[in-house]
Amino acid sequence: RHKIKNMARGLLIVGALFAPVVAYMLVFSSQSFVQSSDENRLLLNEIAYDTWRDFPVLGAGPGRFREFVGKNTVYIIEFGDASEAHGFIQKIAAEEGLLGLTAYVALLVFVILTVWKTYKQVRTNEQWNLIILACFAMTAGSIVFQLFQTNYFVSKMWFPLGLALTAATLAKHHQTKLT
């Protein structure tokens, strides 16, 4: 009973601490501009899915997603000018199909695995340990961020990945010189 009372007290304290945050999020989520944004995302996802369904293997072609959004009367009436997809999965699946999406994801997985394997090789090396771990976090963060953005052809996406691969190559080279 004593443990249960302590646990209940702890849960009550945690609940009291998070209650204002939960209340704020509920109020914020009910605002019209947030709901409009959610509706925008849902409609863009629907357009991306419809486009992918029409062109599943090779996609509709690079740069054509906005064209399909511009042809959607409901989107234009509700939100105005055509917008980009909210995430690389939707956009690449619609424009490059399953083949392009598979290649793109394979490239991202290659980068993540290369940096992670390098970290496992050099984690005992004080000089490279934290550098490669930071590069792994930077790479994973960039990729997760791109799940909700469409600017994946700009330096915000590729510079951190290139930097991480460069650091991994240098760390491997340094490690082989030591052995």
C-alpha atoms as a PDB file:
ATOM      1  CA  ARG A   1       0.000   0.000   0.000  1.00  0.00           C
ATOM      2  CA  HIS A   2       2.857   2.328   0.801  1.00  0.00           C
ATOM      3  CA  LYS A   3       4.368   1.787  -2.674  1.00  0.00           C
ATOM      4  CA  ILE A   4       0.991   2.371  -4.307  1.00  0.00           C
ATOM      5  CA  LYS A   5       0.521   5.620  -2.366  1.00  0.00           C
ATOM      6  CA  ASN A   6       4.001   6.815  -3.357  1.00  0.00           C
ATOM      7  CA  MET A   7       3.372   5.903  -6.980  1.00  0.00           C
ATOM      8  CA  ALA A   8      -0.015   7.656  -6.946  1.00  0.00           C
ATOM      9  CA  ARG A   9       1.577  10.737  -5.386  1.00  0.00           C
ATOM     10  CA  GLY A  10       4.277  10.743  -8.066  1.00  0.00           C
ATOM     11  CA  LEU A  11       1.711  10.359 -10.861  1.00  0.00           C
ATOM     12  CA  LEU A  12      -0.327  13.180  -9.365  1.00  0.00           C
ATOM     13  CA  ILE A  13       2.706  15.474  -9.302  1.00  0.00           C
ATOM     14  CA  VAL A  14       3.647  14.577 -12.885  1.00  0.00           C
ATOM     15  CA  GLY A  15       0.025  15.062 -13.951  1.00  0.00           C
ATOM     16  CA  ALA A  16      -0.093  18.482 -12.274  1.00  0.00           C
ATOM     17  CA  LEU A  17       3.121  19.503 -14.033  1.00  0.00           C
ATOM     18  CA  PHE A  18       1.893  18.421 -17.452  1.00  0.00           C
ATOM     19  CA  ALA A  19      -1.713  19.616 -17.089  1.00  0.00           C
ATOM     20  CA  PRO A  20      -0.968  23.171 -18.311  1.00  0.00           C
ATOM     21  CA  VAL A  21       0.905  21.842 -21.340  1.00  0.00           C
ATOM     22  CA  VAL A  22      -1.911  19.436 -22.209  1.00  0.00           C
ATOM     23  CA  ALA A  23      -4.512  22.182 -21.727  1.00  0.00           C
ATOM     24  CA  TYR A  24      -2.513  24.549 -23.950  1.00  0.00           C
ATOM     25  CA  MET A  25      -2.165  21.911 -26.672  1.00  0.00           C
ATOM     26  CA  LEU A  26      -5.902  21.184 -26.592  1.00  0.00           C
ATOM     27  CA  VAL A  27      -6.721  24.886 -26.923  1.00  0.00           C
ATOM     28  CA  PHE A  28      -4.055  25.399 -29.599  1.00  0.00           C
ATOM     29  CA  SER A  29      -5.205  22.364 -31.598  1.00  0.00           C
ATOM     30  CA  SER A  30      -8.765  23.644 -31.682  1.00  0.00           C
ATOM     31  CA  GLN A  31      -7.783  26.961 -33.309  1.00  0.00           C
ATOM     32  CA  SER A  32      -9.104  27.417 -36.836  1.00  0.00           C
ATOM     33  CA  PHE A  33      -5.689  28.039 -38.420  1.00  0.00           C
ATOM     34  CA  VAL A  34      -4.362  24.765 -36.980  1.00  0.00           C
ATOM     35  CA  GLN A  35      -7.369  22.834 -38.207  1.00  0.00           C
ATOM     36  CA  SER A  36      -7.026  24.480 -41.620  1.00  0.00           C
ATOM     37  CA  SER A  37      -3.372  23.451 -41.727  1.00  0.00           C
ATOM     38  CA  ASP A  38      -4.309  19.881 -40.836  1.00  0.00           C
ATOM     39  CA  GLU A  39      -6.972  19.857 -43.559  1.00  0.00           C
ATOM     40  CA  ASN A  40      -4.364  21.183 -46.007  1.00  0.00           C
ATOM     41  CA  ARG A  41      -1.980  18.359 -45.117  1.00  0.00           C
ATOM     42  CA  LEU A  42      -4.704  15.734 -45.395  1.00  0.00           C
ATOM     43  CA  LEU A  43      -5.778  16.969 -48.817  1.00  0.00           C
ATOM     44  CA  LEU A  44      -2.172  17.132 -50.048  1.00  0.00           C
ATOM     45  CA  ASN A  45      -1.639  13.570 -48.804  1.00  0.00           C
ATOM     46  CA  GLU A  46      -4.786  12.488 -50.640  1.00  0.00           C
ATOM     47  CA  ILE A  47      -3.580  14.147 -53.854  1.00  0.00           C
ATOM     48  CA  ALA A  48      -0.158  12.497 -53.457  1.00  0.00           C
ATOM     49  CA  TYR A  49      -1.783   9.103 -52.908  1.00  0.00           C
ATOM     50  CA  ASP A  50      -4.093   9.521 -55.912  1.00  0.00           C
ATOM     51  CA  THR A  51      -1.139  10.551 -58.083  1.00  0.00           C
ATOM     52  CA  TRP A  52       0.909   7.596 -56.864  1.00  0.00           C
ATOM     53  CA  ARG A  53      -2.030   5.237 -57.464  1.00  0.00           C
ATOM     54  CA  ASP A  54      -2.238   6.474 -61.071  1.00  0.00           C
ATOM     55  CA  PHE A  55       1.548   6.158 -61.616  1.00  0.00           C
ATOM     56  CA  PRO A  56       2.760   3.608 -59.040  1.00  0.00           C
ATOM     57  CA  VAL A  57       6.046   2.349 -60.486  1.00  0.00           C
ATOM     58  CA  LEU A  58       7.762   5.296 -62.190  1.00  0.00           C
ATOM     59  CA  GLY A  59       5.639   8.152 -60.842  1.00  0.00           C
ATOM     60  CA  ALA A  60       4.097  11.099 -62.659  1.00  0.00           C
ATOM     61  CA  GLY A  61       7.458  12.735 -63.342  1.00  0.00           C
ATOM     62  CA  PRO A  62       9.792  15.071 -61.455  1.00  0.00           C
ATOM     63  CA  GLY A  63       8.272  18.411 -60.523  1.00  0.00           C
ATOM     64  CA  ARG A  64       4.712  17.473 -61.467  1.00  0.00           C
ATOM     65  CA  PHE A  65       3.195  17.272 -57.986  1.00  0.00           C
ATOM     66  CA  ARG A  66       2.267  20.950 -57.927  1.00  0.00           C
ATOM     67  CA  GLU A  67       0.637  20.530 -61.319  1.00  0.00           C
ATOM     68  CA  PHE A  68      -1.661  17.858 -59.881  1.00  0.00           C
ATOM     69  CA  VAL A  69      -2.433  20.028 -56.857  1.00  0.00           C
ATOM     70  CA  GLY A  70      -3.241  22.924 -59.197  1.00  0.00           C
ATOM     71  CA  LYS A  71      -5.775  20.743 -61.007  1.00  0.00           C
ATOM     72  CA  ASN A  72      -7.586  19.881 -57.766  1.00  0.00           C
ATOM     73  CA  THR A  73     -10.555  22.253 -57.597  1.00  0.00           C
ATOM     74  CA  VAL A  74     -11.272  21.571 -53.923  1.00  0.00           C
ATOM     75  CA  TYR A  75      -7.689  22.445 -52.967  1.00  0.00           C
ATOM     76  CA  ILE A  76      -7.697  25.685 -54.988  1.00  0.00           C
ATOM     77  CA  ILE A  77     -11.053  26.792 -53.526  1.00  0.00           C
ATOM     78  CA  GLU A  78     -10.051  25.958 -49.951  1.00  0.00           C
ATOM     79  CA  PHE A  79      -6.383  26.978 -49.886  1.00  0.00           C
ATOM     80  CA  GLY A  80      -5.532  28.996 -52.993  1.00  0.00           C
ATOM     81  CA  ASP A  81      -2.314  28.436 -54.914  1.00  0.00           C
ATOM     82  CA  ALA A  82      -0.892  24.953 -55.317  1.00  0.00           C
ATOM     83  CA  SER A  83       1.446  23.865 -52.550  1.00  0.00           C
ATOM     84  CA  GLU A  84       4.078  21.178 -52.127  1.00  0.00           C
ATOM     85  CA  ALA A  85       3.586  17.855 -50.360  1.00  0.00           C
ATOM     86  CA  HIS A  86       4.306  17.758 -46.666  1.00  0.00           C
ATOM     87  CA  GLY A  87       7.142  15.266 -46.675  1.00  0.00           C
ATOM     88  CA  PHE A  88       9.515  13.515 -49.022  1.00  0.00           C
ATOM     89  CA  ILE A  89       7.619  10.228 -48.951  1.00  0.00           C
ATOM     90  CA  GLN A  90       4.485  11.769 -50.434  1.00  0.00           C
ATOM     91  CA  LYS A  91       6.299  13.907 -52.987  1.00  0.00           C
ATOM     92  CA  ILE A  92       8.761  11.296 -54.214  1.00  0.00           C
ATOM     93  CA  ALA A  93       6.122   8.551 -54.313  1.00  0.00           C
ATOM     94  CA  ALA A  94       3.906  10.781 -56.478  1.00  0.00           C
ATOM     95  CA  GLU A  95       6.665  12.118 -58.741  1.00  0.00           C
ATOM     96  CA  GLU A  96       9.114   9.203 -58.997  1.00  0.00           C
ATOM     97  CA  GLY A  97       6.922   6.280 -57.971  1.00  0.00           C
ATOM     98  CA  LEU A  98       7.957   3.246 -56.012  1.00  0.00           C
ATOM     99  CA  LEU A  99      11.218   2.936 -57.910  1.00  0.00           C
ATOM    100  CA  GLY A 100      12.328   6.473 -57.046  1.00  0.00           C
ATOM    101  CA  LEU A 101      11.117   6.251 -53.466  1.00  0.00           C
ATOM    102  CA  THR A 102      12.975   2.970 -52.980  1.00  0.00           C
ATOM    103  CA  ALA A 103      16.184   4.449 -54.390  1.00  0.00           C
ATOM    104  CA  TYR A 104      15.865   7.573 -52.245  1.00  0.00           C
ATOM    105  CA  VAL A 105      15.189   5.619 -49.051  1.00  0.00           C
ATOM    106  CA  ALA A 106      18.042   3.231 -49.908  1.00  0.00           C
ATOM    107  CA  LEU A 107      20.397   6.196 -50.173  1.00  0.00           C
ATOM    108  CA  LEU A 108      19.277   7.546 -46.792  1.00  0.00           C
ATOM    109  CA  VAL A 109      19.600   4.097 -45.196  1.00  0.00           C
ATOM    110  CA  PHE A 110      23.085   3.766 -46.691  1.00  0.00           C
ATOM    111  CA  VAL A 111      24.160   7.050 -45.120  1.00  0.00           C
ATOM    112  CA  ILE A 112      22.686   6.151 -41.707  1.00  0.00           C
ATOM    113  CA  LEU A 113      24.217   2.653 -41.715  1.00  0.00           C
ATOM    114  CA  THR A 114      27.613   3.904 -42.860  1.00  0.00           C
ATOM    115  CA  VAL A 115      27.808   6.477 -40.087  1.00  0.00           C
ATOM    116  CA  TRP A 116      26.489   4.011 -37.474  1.00  0.00           C
ATOM    117  CA  LYS A 117      28.936   1.260 -38.489  1.00  0.00           C
ATOM    118  CA  THR A 118      31.757   3.783 -38.327  1.00  0.00           C
ATOM    119  CA  TYR A 119      30.656   4.804 -34.854  1.00  0.00           C
ATOM    120  CA  LYS A 120      30.714   1.175 -33.734  1.00  0.00           C
ATOM    121  CA  GLN A 121      34.255   0.837 -35.127  1.00  0.00           C
ATOM    122  CA  VAL A 122      35.642   3.987 -33.493  1.00  0.00           C
ATOM    123  CA  ARG A 123      33.648   4.199 -30.260  1.00  0.00           C
ATOM    124  CA  THR A 124      36.712   3.249 -28.225  1.00  0.00           C
ATOM    125  CA  ASN A 125      38.724   6.004 -29.891  1.00  0.00           C
ATOM    126  CA  GLU A 126      38.360   9.125 -27.736  1.00  0.00           C
ATOM    127  CA  GLN A 127      39.317  11.368 -30.618  1.00  0.00           C
ATOM    128  CA  TRP A 128      36.504  10.217 -32.962  1.00  0.00           C
ATOM    129  CA  ASN A 129      33.882   8.771 -30.625  1.00  0.00           C
ATOM    130  CA  LEU A 130      31.812  11.879 -29.957  1.00  0.00           C
ATOM    131  CA  ILE A 131      32.373  13.370 -33.394  1.00  0.00           C
ATOM    132  CA  ILE A 132      30.883  10.365 -35.194  1.00  0.00           C
ATOM    133  CA  LEU A 133      28.084  10.047 -32.633  1.00  0.00           C
ATOM    134  CA  ALA A 134      27.203  13.717 -33.195  1.00  0.00           C
ATOM    135  CA  CYS A 135      27.315  13.117 -36.963  1.00  0.00           C
ATOM    136  CA  PHE A 136      24.942  10.180 -36.542  1.00  0.00           C
ATOM    137  CA  ALA A 137      22.518  12.312 -34.526  1.00  0.00           C
ATOM    138  CA  MET A 138      22.799  15.113 -37.086  1.00  0.00           C
ATOM    139  CA  THR A 139      22.120  12.698 -39.947  1.00  0.00           C
ATOM    140  CA  ALA A 140      19.167  11.026 -38.246  1.00  0.00           C
ATOM    141  CA  GLY A 141      17.744  14.417 -37.277  1.00  0.00           C
ATOM    142  CA  SER A 142      18.028  15.738 -40.831  1.00  0.00           C
ATOM    143  CA  ILE A 143      16.233  12.717 -42.224  1.00  0.00           C
ATOM    144  CA  VAL A 144      13.451  12.794 -39.622  1.00  0.00           C
ATOM    145  CA  PHE A 145      12.995  16.526 -40.264  1.00  0.00           C
ATOM    146  CA  GLN A 146      12.572  15.816 -43.971  1.00  0.00           C
ATOM    147  CA  LEU A 147       9.660  13.495 -43.255  1.00  0.00           C
ATOM    148  CA  PHE A 148       7.678  16.689 -42.666  1.00  0.00           C
ATOM    149  CA  GLN A 149       9.348  19.044 -45.159  1.00  0.00           C
ATOM    150  CA  THR A 150       9.805  19.110 -48.912  1.00  0.00           C
ATOM    151  CA  ASN A 151      13.047  21.073 -49.205  1.00  0.00           C
ATOM    152  CA  TYR A 152      15.085  17.890 -49.565  1.00  0.00           C
ATOM    153  CA  PHE A 153      17.078  19.120 -52.563  1.00  0.00           C
ATOM    154  CA  VAL A 154      18.683  21.973 -50.618  1.00  0.00           C
ATOM    155  CA  SER A 155      21.786  22.124 -48.461  1.00  0.00           C
ATOM    156  CA  LYS A 156      19.793  21.867 -45.231  1.00  0.00           C
ATOM    157  CA  MET A 157      19.293  18.213 -46.095  1.00  0.00           C
ATOM    158  CA  TRP A 158      22.455  17.201 -47.894  1.00  0.00           C
ATOM    159  CA  PHE A 159      25.181  19.217 -46.161  1.00  0.00           C
ATOM    160  CA  PRO A 160      24.774  17.403 -42.803  1.00  0.00           C
ATOM    161  CA  LEU A 161      24.660  14.039 -44.582  1.00  0.00           C
ATOM    162  CA  GLY A 162      27.749  14.845 -46.635  1.00  0.00           C
ATOM    163  CA  LEU A 163      29.547  16.117 -43.555  1.00  0.00           C
ATOM    164  CA  ALA A 164      28.693  12.920 -41.682  1.00  0.00           C
ATOM    165  CA  LEU A 165      29.931  10.722 -44.535  1.00  0.00           C
ATOM    166  CA  THR A 166      33.140  12.747 -44.754  1.00  0.00           C
ATOM    167  CA  ALA A 167      33.720  12.440 -41.014  1.00  0.00           C
ATOM    168  CA  ALA A 168      33.013   8.701 -41.189  1.00  0.00           C
ATOM    169  CA  THR A 169      35.549   8.293 -44.006  1.00  0.00           C
ATOM    170  CA  LEU A 170      38.187  10.270 -42.092  1.00  0.00           C
ATOM    171  CA  ALA A 171      37.519   8.303 -38.908  1.00  0.00           C
ATOM    172  CA  LYS A 172      37.855   4.971 -40.730  1.00  0.00           C
ATOM    173  CA  HIS A 173      41.070   6.145 -42.370  1.00  0.00           C
ATOM    174  CA  HIS A 174      42.449   7.266 -38.997  1.00  0.00           C
ATOM    175  CA  GLN A 175      41.392   3.984 -37.390  1.00  0.00           C
ATOM    176  CA  THR A 176      43.148   1.875 -40.050  1.00  0.00           C
ATOM    177  CA  LYS A 177      46.345   3.916 -39.597  1.00  0.00           C
ATOM    178  CA  LEU A 178      46.300   3.051 -35.893  1.00  0.00           C
ATOM    179  CA  THR A 179      45.991  -0.687 -36.488  1.00  0.00           C
END
